[in-house]
Amino acid sequence: MTTPLGGICDVVKDRKNGILGTPGNIEELQGALFDLVIDSEKRQRLGAQARKDVGSFTAYNIAEIWLELYREVSVRAENPATS
């Protein structure tokens, strides 16, 4: 359970691998958590999918993404006319 702020939506997909809630809505959070407590199948399904989905967010993969971004920026800085 999280809110759709920042980059979290890149990882958490509502009702597929987690639950996205409205920021500041305590009743919604309470209801979603209660639902997960009583619905073990949903809890297991969301958890299993979340574990699969975060596999691509390893430190190595994230470092590779940042490294590629730095390469692109440095090439543009060296050749501003082609940007």
C-alpha atoms as a PDB file:
ATOM      1  CA  MET A   1       0.000   0.000   0.000  1.00  0.00           C
ATOM      2  CA  THR A   2       1.446   3.314  -1.090  1.00  0.00           C
ATOM      3  CA  THR A   3       0.481   6.579  -2.700  1.00  0.00           C
ATOM      4  CA  PRO A   4       1.006   7.475  -6.372  1.00  0.00           C
ATOM      5  CA  LEU A   5       3.615  10.142  -5.686  1.00  0.00           C
ATOM      6  CA  GLY A   6       7.019  10.484  -7.299  1.00  0.00           C
ATOM      7  CA  GLY A   7       8.392   7.522  -9.163  1.00  0.00           C
ATOM      8  CA  ILE A   8       6.581   4.890  -7.116  1.00  0.00           C
ATOM      9  CA  CYS A   9       4.135   4.325  -9.997  1.00  0.00           C
ATOM     10  CA  ASP A  10       7.076   2.971 -12.011  1.00  0.00           C
ATOM     11  CA  VAL A  11       7.081   0.019  -9.639  1.00  0.00           C
ATOM     12  CA  VAL A  12       3.669  -0.301  -7.994  1.00  0.00           C
ATOM     13  CA  LYS A  13       0.734  -1.008 -10.302  1.00  0.00           C
ATOM     14  CA  ASP A  14      -2.598  -0.621  -8.551  1.00  0.00           C
ATOM     15  CA  ARG A  15      -4.233  -3.955  -7.717  1.00  0.00           C
ATOM     16  CA  LYS A  16      -1.627  -5.848  -9.793  1.00  0.00           C
ATOM     17  CA  ASN A  17       1.388  -5.831  -7.464  1.00  0.00           C
ATOM     18  CA  GLY A  18       0.223  -3.458  -4.753  1.00  0.00           C
ATOM     19  CA  ILE A  19      -2.398  -0.925  -3.845  1.00  0.00           C
ATOM     20  CA  LEU A  20      -2.194   2.781  -4.603  1.00  0.00           C
ATOM     21  CA  GLY A  21      -4.135   5.027  -2.274  1.00  0.00           C
ATOM     22  CA  THR A  22      -4.995   8.673  -2.031  1.00  0.00           C
ATOM     23  CA  PRO A  23      -2.427  10.680  -0.047  1.00  0.00           C
ATOM     24  CA  GLY A  24      -3.826  11.632   3.359  1.00  0.00           C
ATOM     25  CA  ASN A  25      -6.879   9.372   3.141  1.00  0.00           C
ATOM     26  CA  ILE A  26      -6.617   7.409   6.382  1.00  0.00           C
ATOM     27  CA  GLU A  27      -9.958   5.627   5.889  1.00  0.00           C
ATOM     28  CA  GLU A  28      -8.845   4.334   2.492  1.00  0.00           C
ATOM     29  CA  LEU A  29      -5.564   3.081   3.965  1.00  0.00           C
ATOM     30  CA  GLN A  30      -7.405   1.415   6.836  1.00  0.00           C
ATOM     31  CA  GLY A  31      -9.847  -0.285   4.470  1.00  0.00           C
ATOM     32  CA  ALA A  32      -7.132  -1.509   2.107  1.00  0.00           C
ATOM     33  CA  LEU A  33      -5.027  -2.907   4.934  1.00  0.00           C
ATOM     34  CA  PHE A  34      -8.047  -4.588   6.522  1.00  0.00           C
ATOM     35  CA  ASP A  35      -8.913  -6.121   3.136  1.00  0.00           C
ATOM     36  CA  LEU A  36      -5.389  -7.540   2.860  1.00  0.00           C
ATOM     37  CA  VAL A  37      -5.587  -8.956   6.380  1.00  0.00           C
ATOM     38  CA  ILE A  38      -8.814 -10.851   5.667  1.00  0.00           C
ATOM     39  CA  ASP A  39      -8.142 -11.801   2.012  1.00  0.00           C
ATOM     40  CA  SER A  40      -5.117 -14.090   2.078  1.00  0.00           C
ATOM     41  CA  GLU A  41      -5.433 -14.970  -1.627  1.00  0.00           C
ATOM     42  CA  LYS A  42      -5.209 -11.293  -2.632  1.00  0.00           C
ATOM     43  CA  ARG A  43      -2.339 -10.737  -0.205  1.00  0.00           C
ATOM     44  CA  GLN A  44      -0.429 -13.715  -1.627  1.00  0.00           C
ATOM     45  CA  ARG A  45      -1.149 -12.736  -5.253  1.00  0.00           C
ATOM     46  CA  LEU A  46      -0.073  -9.103  -4.820  1.00  0.00           C
ATOM     47  CA  GLY A  47       3.017 -10.129  -2.881  1.00  0.00           C
ATOM     48  CA  ALA A  48       4.094 -12.731  -5.430  1.00  0.00           C
ATOM     49  CA  GLN A  49       3.663 -10.313  -8.328  1.00  0.00           C
ATOM     50  CA  ALA A  50       5.499  -7.551  -6.456  1.00  0.00           C
ATOM     51  CA  ARG A  51       8.478  -9.844  -5.845  1.00  0.00           C
ATOM     52  CA  LYS A  52       8.600 -10.672  -9.579  1.00  0.00           C
ATOM     53  CA  ASP A  53       8.283  -7.049 -10.635  1.00  0.00           C
ATOM     54  CA  VAL A  54      11.001  -5.639  -8.396  1.00  0.00           C
ATOM     55  CA  GLY A  55      13.516  -8.119  -9.772  1.00  0.00           C
ATOM     56  CA  SER A  56      14.428  -5.651 -12.509  1.00  0.00           C
ATOM     57  CA  PHE A  57      15.158  -2.937  -9.940  1.00  0.00           C
ATOM     58  CA  THR A  58      18.466  -4.339  -8.732  1.00  0.00           C
ATOM     59  CA  ALA A  59      21.299  -2.028  -7.767  1.00  0.00           C
ATOM     60  CA  TYR A  60      23.216  -3.199 -10.841  1.00  0.00           C
ATOM     61  CA  ASN A  61      20.349  -2.455 -13.244  1.00  0.00           C
ATOM     62  CA  ILE A  62      19.698   0.958 -11.731  1.00  0.00           C
ATOM     63  CA  ALA A  63      23.416   1.777 -11.922  1.00  0.00           C
ATOM     64  CA  GLU A  64      23.406   0.803 -15.610  1.00  0.00           C
ATOM     65  CA  ILE A  65      20.456   3.115 -16.278  1.00  0.00           C
ATOM     66  CA  TRP A  66      22.226   6.018 -14.559  1.00  0.00           C
ATOM     67  CA  LEU A  67      25.488   5.278 -16.359  1.00  0.00           C
ATOM     68  CA  GLU A  68      23.733   5.373 -19.730  1.00  0.00           C
ATOM     69  CA  LEU A  69      22.090   8.681 -18.798  1.00  0.00           C
ATOM     70  CA  TYR A  70      25.476  10.156 -17.842  1.00  0.00           C
ATOM     71  CA  ARG A  71      26.926   8.972 -21.164  1.00  0.00           C
ATOM     72  CA  GLU A  72      24.112  10.652 -23.095  1.00  0.00           C
ATOM     73  CA  VAL A  73      24.517  13.904 -21.161  1.00  0.00           C
ATOM     74  CA  SER A  74      28.293  13.953 -21.622  1.00  0.00           C
ATOM     75  CA  VAL A  75      27.969  13.367 -25.382  1.00  0.00           C
ATOM     76  CA  ARG A  76      25.490  16.243 -25.632  1.00  0.00           C
ATOM     77  CA  ALA A  77      27.788  18.474 -23.604  1.00  0.00           C
ATOM     78  CA  GLU A  78      30.704  17.696 -25.929  1.00  0.00           C
ATOM     79  CA  ASN A  79      28.599  18.241 -29.061  1.00  0.00           C
ATOM     80  CA  PRO A  80      26.003  20.924 -28.267  1.00  0.00           C
ATOM     81  CA  ALA A  81      25.198  21.517 -31.946  1.00  0.00           C
ATOM     82  CA  THR A  82      23.788  17.986 -32.319  1.00  0.00           C
ATOM     83  CA  SER A  83      21.525  18.191 -29.247  1.00  0.00           C
END
